[in-house]
Amino acid sequence: MKITIDSNLRIRNSFEPPLQLELEGSEQGLQDVLQKLNDMHPPLKFIEQGEMGDDLHHLYLNGESHFSFSEGLKKKIKEGDTIRVEAYLEPLDGH
């Protein structure tokens, strides 16, 4: 299954959304996507102990906040979905 990942975060030559992500199997959820992103980019904490990681501020599935789903991060995804991850970004100038 292919999905699109978008984000406010960009890391040159490492994490440059929008990107296509290939997932195996059809029973994947938001939690699985965050775990795959965690595995691909270890310095970033997209998920920790099944919950949103420290670096993740908000998560959207096809423009809808994950908070609006009764399943939360266990919400199933399907082929062609777009997931937007918004990370906490610290100002570079210290302000």
C-alpha atoms as a PDB file:
ATOM      1  CA  MET A   1       0.000   0.000   0.000  1.00  0.00           C
ATOM      2  CA  LYS A   2       1.307   3.452  -0.913  1.00  0.00           C
ATOM      3  CA  ILE A   3       0.534   6.581   1.072  1.00  0.00           C
ATOM      4  CA  THR A   4       1.841  10.145   0.994  1.00  0.00           C
ATOM      5  CA  ILE A   5       3.609  11.743   3.957  1.00  0.00           C
ATOM      6  CA  ASP A   6       3.644  15.520   4.252  1.00  0.00           C
ATOM      7  CA  SER A   7       5.156  17.595   7.048  1.00  0.00           C
ATOM      8  CA  ASN A   8       6.220  21.018   8.234  1.00  0.00           C
ATOM      9  CA  LEU A   9       9.597  19.393   9.007  1.00  0.00           C
ATOM     10  CA  ARG A  10      12.352  18.971   6.451  1.00  0.00           C
ATOM     11  CA  ILE A  11      15.804  17.536   6.986  1.00  0.00           C
ATOM     12  CA  ARG A  12      17.998  17.932   3.935  1.00  0.00           C
ATOM     13  CA  ASN A  13      18.938  14.617   2.285  1.00  0.00           C
ATOM     14  CA  SER A  14      17.079  12.665   4.966  1.00  0.00           C
ATOM     15  CA  PHE A  15      13.448  13.686   5.395  1.00  0.00           C
ATOM     16  CA  GLU A  16      12.093  15.802   2.560  1.00  0.00           C
ATOM     17  CA  PRO A  17       8.287  15.582   2.306  1.00  0.00           C
ATOM     18  CA  PRO A  18       6.091  15.146   0.509  1.00  0.00           C
ATOM     19  CA  LEU A  19       7.257  11.583   0.104  1.00  0.00           C
ATOM     20  CA  GLN A  20       5.693   8.292  -0.892  1.00  0.00           C
ATOM     21  CA  LEU A  21       5.771   5.584   1.747  1.00  0.00           C
ATOM     22  CA  GLU A  22       5.254   1.910   0.916  1.00  0.00           C
ATOM     23  CA  LEU A  23       3.634  -0.195   3.637  1.00  0.00           C
ATOM     24  CA  GLU A  24       3.209  -3.967   3.575  1.00  0.00           C
ATOM     25  CA  GLY A  25      -0.233  -5.428   4.120  1.00  0.00           C
ATOM     26  CA  SER A  26      -3.644  -3.822   4.096  1.00  0.00           C
ATOM     27  CA  GLU A  27      -4.316  -3.628   7.852  1.00  0.00           C
ATOM     28  CA  GLN A  28      -2.118  -0.663   8.720  1.00  0.00           C
ATOM     29  CA  GLY A  29      -2.958   2.171  11.091  1.00  0.00           C
ATOM     30  CA  LEU A  30      -1.597   5.613  11.922  1.00  0.00           C
ATOM     31  CA  GLN A  31       0.462   4.021  14.701  1.00  0.00           C
ATOM     32  CA  ASP A  32       2.167   1.762  12.136  1.00  0.00           C
ATOM     33  CA  VAL A  33       3.013   4.748   9.925  1.00  0.00           C
ATOM     34  CA  LEU A  34       4.573   6.619  12.856  1.00  0.00           C
ATOM     35  CA  GLN A  35       6.598   3.525  13.774  1.00  0.00           C
ATOM     36  CA  LYS A  36       7.865   3.218  10.191  1.00  0.00           C
ATOM     37  CA  LEU A  37       8.875   6.908  10.217  1.00  0.00           C
ATOM     38  CA  ASN A  38      10.599   6.335  13.578  1.00  0.00           C
ATOM     39  CA  ASP A  39      12.545   3.409  12.108  1.00  0.00           C
ATOM     40  CA  MET A  40      13.518   5.411   9.009  1.00  0.00           C
ATOM     41  CA  HIS A  41      14.643   8.506  10.948  1.00  0.00           C
ATOM     42  CA  PRO A  42      15.906   7.414  14.397  1.00  0.00           C
ATOM     43  CA  PRO A  43      16.810  10.863  15.752  1.00  0.00           C
ATOM     44  CA  LEU A  44      13.151  11.906  15.422  1.00  0.00           C
ATOM     45  CA  LYS A  45      10.587  10.664  17.922  1.00  0.00           C
ATOM     46  CA  PHE A  46       7.360  10.247  15.948  1.00  0.00           C
ATOM     47  CA  ILE A  47       6.039   7.585  18.347  1.00  0.00           C
ATOM     48  CA  GLU A  48       6.981   6.400  21.828  1.00  0.00           C
ATOM     49  CA  GLN A  49       5.352   3.486  23.638  1.00  0.00           C
ATOM     50  CA  GLY A  50       2.360   3.546  21.294  1.00  0.00           C
ATOM     51  CA  GLU A  51       1.676   7.260  21.773  1.00  0.00           C
ATOM     52  CA  MET A  52       2.674  10.388  19.855  1.00  0.00           C
ATOM     53  CA  GLY A  53       6.390  11.023  20.328  1.00  0.00           C
ATOM     54  CA  ASP A  54       7.979  14.126  21.848  1.00  0.00           C
ATOM     55  CA  ASP A  55       8.846  15.577  18.429  1.00  0.00           C
ATOM     56  CA  LEU A  56       5.303  15.260  17.076  1.00  0.00           C
ATOM     57  CA  HIS A  57       2.899  18.151  17.588  1.00  0.00           C
ATOM     58  CA  HIS A  58      -0.078  17.058  15.486  1.00  0.00           C
ATOM     59  CA  LEU A  59      -1.143  14.395  13.012  1.00  0.00           C
ATOM     60  CA  TYR A  60      -3.692  14.612  10.195  1.00  0.00           C
ATOM     61  CA  LEU A  61      -5.189  11.904   8.001  1.00  0.00           C
ATOM     62  CA  ASN A  62      -6.510  13.358   4.737  1.00  0.00           C
ATOM     63  CA  GLY A  63      -6.788  16.775   6.406  1.00  0.00           C
ATOM     64  CA  GLU A  64      -8.644  15.516   9.496  1.00  0.00           C
ATOM     65  CA  SER A  65      -7.013  15.642  12.943  1.00  0.00           C
ATOM     66  CA  HIS A  66      -6.290  12.265  14.490  1.00  0.00           C
ATOM     67  CA  PHE A  67      -7.976  13.580  17.652  1.00  0.00           C
ATOM     68  CA  SER A  68     -11.315  13.446  15.802  1.00  0.00           C
ATOM     69  CA  PHE A  69     -11.097   9.664  15.321  1.00  0.00           C
ATOM     70  CA  SER A  70     -12.485   7.490  18.114  1.00  0.00           C
ATOM     71  CA  GLU A  71      -9.705   4.986  17.305  1.00  0.00           C
ATOM     72  CA  GLY A  72      -6.995   7.635  17.711  1.00  0.00           C
ATOM     73  CA  LEU A  73      -3.647   6.356  16.429  1.00  0.00           C
ATOM     74  CA  LYS A  74      -5.178   2.927  15.737  1.00  0.00           C
ATOM     75  CA  LYS A  75      -7.235   4.436  12.891  1.00  0.00           C
ATOM     76  CA  LYS A  76      -6.777   2.276   9.788  1.00  0.00           C
ATOM     77  CA  ILE A  77      -5.388   3.813   6.628  1.00  0.00           C
ATOM     78  CA  LYS A  78      -5.915   2.900   2.997  1.00  0.00           C
ATOM     79  CA  GLU A  79      -4.117   3.131  -0.327  1.00  0.00           C
ATOM     80  CA  GLY A  80      -3.638   6.734  -1.462  1.00  0.00           C
ATOM     81  CA  ASP A  81      -4.178   8.359   1.950  1.00  0.00           C
ATOM     82  CA  THR A  82      -2.194  11.466   2.859  1.00  0.00           C
ATOM     83  CA  ILE A  83      -0.790  11.798   6.356  1.00  0.00           C
ATOM     84  CA  ARG A  84       0.579  15.100   7.585  1.00  0.00           C
ATOM     85  CA  VAL A  85       2.915  15.047  10.565  1.00  0.00           C
ATOM     86  CA  GLU A  86       3.575  18.358  12.257  1.00  0.00           C
ATOM     87  CA  ALA A  87       6.660  18.484  14.405  1.00  0.00           C
ATOM     88  CA  TYR A  88       7.649  20.839  17.181  1.00  0.00           C
ATOM     89  CA  LEU A  89      10.216  23.192  15.699  1.00  0.00           C
ATOM     90  CA  GLU A  90      12.568  25.149  17.920  1.00  0.00           C
ATOM     91  CA  PRO A  91      13.597  28.590  16.683  1.00  0.00           C
ATOM     92  CA  LEU A  92      17.164  28.580  15.434  1.00  0.00           C
ATOM     93  CA  ASP A  93      17.963  32.042  16.774  1.00  0.00           C
ATOM     94  CA  GLY A  94      17.098  31.157  20.376  1.00  0.00           C
ATOM     95  CA  HIS A  95      13.885  33.191  20.605  1.00  0.00           C
END
